[in-house]
Structures are given as structure tokens and as C-alpha cells.
Amino acid sequence: MEFLEQHPLYVVAIIGSVVWLGIFFFMLGIERRVKKLERTKARL
């Protein structure tokens, strides 16, 4: 923990990376749901 206390920029980079990964996987999930709905709608 001493390393992170002395280098706060790394903490910001890690938190930012986690946030962007979360957004990325959330968008992937939405894309899959939309594709499924489009396929369902095309069958009707």
C-alpha cells in the first residue's frame, strides 16, 4: 500500500480503467439484448 500512497496517479489510472471496463461490458450486454430483440422482431 505504501507504493500506492506515494503514486496517486496510479490509483486514478486503476480506477479509471475499472470504470471504462465496466462501461464496455455494460454496452456489450445492451448490444446483445438489442440484437436479440431485432431478430425477434424480424421473425414477426
N, C-alpha and C. Protein backbone atom coordinates (compact mmCIF):
# COMPACT_ATOMS: atom_id res chain seq x y z
N MET A 1 0.82 -1.20 0.00
CA MET A 1 0.00 0.00 0.00
C MET A 1 0.86 1.26 0.00
N GLU A 2 2.06 1.16 0.46
CA GLU A 2 2.93 2.33 0.50
C GLU A 2 3.20 2.85 -0.91
N PHE A 3 3.32 1.93 -1.86
CA PHE A 3 3.56 2.33 -3.25
C PHE A 3 2.41 3.18 -3.78
N LEU A 4 1.18 2.75 -3.51
CA LEU A 4 0.02 3.49 -3.99
C LEU A 4 -0.13 4.83 -3.28
N GLU A 5 0.29 4.91 -2.04
CA GLU A 5 0.22 6.18 -1.31
C GLU A 5 1.22 7.18 -1.89
N GLN A 6 2.34 6.69 -2.39
CA GLN A 6 3.35 7.58 -2.94
C GLN A 6 3.10 7.92 -4.41
N HIS A 7 2.26 7.14 -5.08
CA HIS A 7 1.98 7.35 -6.50
C HIS A 7 0.47 7.41 -6.74
N PRO A 8 -0.15 8.52 -6.39
CA PRO A 8 -1.61 8.62 -6.52
C PRO A 8 -2.09 8.57 -7.97
N LEU A 9 -1.22 8.87 -8.92
CA LEU A 9 -1.63 8.82 -10.32
C LEU A 9 -1.99 7.39 -10.73
N TYR A 10 -1.30 6.41 -10.16
CA TYR A 10 -1.62 5.01 -10.47
C TYR A 10 -3.00 4.65 -9.94
N VAL A 11 -3.36 5.18 -8.80
CA VAL A 11 -4.68 4.92 -8.23
C VAL A 11 -5.75 5.47 -9.17
N VAL A 12 -5.55 6.67 -9.66
CA VAL A 12 -6.50 7.29 -10.59
C VAL A 12 -6.58 6.46 -11.87
N ALA A 13 -5.44 6.00 -12.37
CA ALA A 13 -5.43 5.20 -13.60
C ALA A 13 -6.15 3.87 -13.39
N ILE A 14 -5.97 3.24 -12.26
CA ILE A 14 -6.64 1.97 -11.98
C ILE A 14 -8.15 2.17 -11.88
N ILE A 15 -8.57 3.18 -11.16
CA ILE A 15 -10.00 3.45 -11.01
C ILE A 15 -10.62 3.79 -12.37
N GLY A 16 -9.93 4.61 -13.15
CA GLY A 16 -10.43 4.94 -14.48
C GLY A 16 -10.55 3.72 -15.37
N SER A 17 -9.57 2.84 -15.30
CA SER A 17 -9.61 1.61 -16.10
C SER A 17 -10.78 0.73 -15.70
N VAL A 18 -11.02 0.61 -14.41
CA VAL A 18 -12.14 -0.21 -13.94
C VAL A 18 -13.47 0.38 -14.41
N VAL A 19 -13.59 1.69 -14.34
CA VAL A 19 -14.83 2.34 -14.78
C VAL A 19 -15.04 2.11 -16.28
N TRP A 20 -14.00 2.30 -17.09
CA TRP A 20 -14.13 2.11 -18.54
C TRP A 20 -14.43 0.66 -18.89
N LEU A 21 -13.84 -0.28 -18.18
CA LEU A 21 -14.15 -1.69 -18.41
C LEU A 21 -15.61 -1.99 -18.08
N GLY A 22 -16.09 -1.40 -16.99
CA GLY A 22 -17.49 -1.59 -16.63
C GLY A 22 -18.42 -1.05 -17.70
N ILE A 23 -18.12 0.14 -18.22
CA ILE A 23 -18.93 0.72 -19.29
C ILE A 23 -18.89 -0.17 -20.53
N PHE A 24 -17.70 -0.67 -20.86
CA PHE A 24 -17.54 -1.52 -22.04
C PHE A 24 -18.40 -2.77 -21.94
N PHE A 25 -18.34 -3.47 -20.80
CA PHE A 25 -19.12 -4.70 -20.65
C PHE A 25 -20.61 -4.41 -20.56
N PHE A 26 -20.99 -3.27 -19.99
CA PHE A 26 -22.40 -2.88 -19.95
C PHE A 26 -22.91 -2.66 -21.37
N MET A 27 -22.12 -1.98 -22.20
CA MET A 27 -22.52 -1.74 -23.59
C MET A 27 -22.59 -3.04 -24.38
N LEU A 28 -21.68 -3.98 -24.12
CA LEU A 28 -21.75 -5.29 -24.78
C LEU A 28 -23.06 -5.99 -24.44
N GLY A 29 -23.46 -5.94 -23.20
CA GLY A 29 -24.71 -6.56 -22.79
C GLY A 29 -25.91 -5.92 -23.47
N ILE A 30 -25.91 -4.60 -23.57
CA ILE A 30 -27.00 -3.90 -24.24
C ILE A 30 -27.03 -4.28 -25.72
N GLU A 31 -25.87 -4.36 -26.34
CA GLU A 31 -25.81 -4.72 -27.76
C GLU A 31 -26.40 -6.11 -28.00
N ARG A 32 -26.07 -7.05 -27.14
CA ARG A 32 -26.61 -8.41 -27.27
C ARG A 32 -28.13 -8.41 -27.13
N ARG A 33 -28.65 -7.65 -26.18
CA ARG A 33 -30.10 -7.59 -26.00
C ARG A 33 -30.78 -6.97 -27.20
N VAL A 34 -30.19 -5.91 -27.75
CA VAL A 34 -30.78 -5.25 -28.92
C VAL A 34 -30.78 -6.20 -30.12
N LYS A 35 -29.67 -6.92 -30.33
CA LYS A 35 -29.63 -7.88 -31.44
C LYS A 35 -30.69 -8.95 -31.28
N LYS A 36 -30.88 -9.42 -30.06
CA LYS A 36 -31.90 -10.44 -29.81
C LYS A 36 -33.29 -9.89 -30.11
N LEU A 37 -33.56 -8.66 -29.69
CA LEU A 37 -34.85 -8.05 -29.98
C LEU A 37 -35.04 -7.83 -31.48
N GLU A 38 -33.97 -7.44 -32.18
CA GLU A 38 -34.08 -7.24 -33.63
C GLU A 38 -34.39 -8.55 -34.33
N ARG A 39 -33.76 -9.64 -33.90
CA ARG A 39 -34.03 -10.95 -34.50
C ARG A 39 -35.48 -11.37 -34.23
N THR A 40 -35.94 -11.13 -33.02
CA THR A 40 -37.32 -11.47 -32.65
C THR A 40 -38.30 -10.66 -33.48
N LYS A 41 -38.03 -9.38 -33.66
CA LYS A 41 -38.92 -8.50 -34.41
C LYS A 41 -38.93 -8.89 -35.89
N ALA A 42 -37.79 -9.31 -36.42
CA ALA A 42 -37.70 -9.69 -37.83
C ALA A 42 -38.52 -10.93 -38.12
N ARG A 43 -38.70 -11.80 -37.14
CA ARG A 43 -39.49 -13.03 -37.33
C ARG A 43 -40.97 -12.76 -37.38
N LEU A 44 -41.41 -11.64 -36.79
CA LEU A 44 -42.86 -11.35 -36.74
C LEU A 44 -43.40 -10.87 -38.03
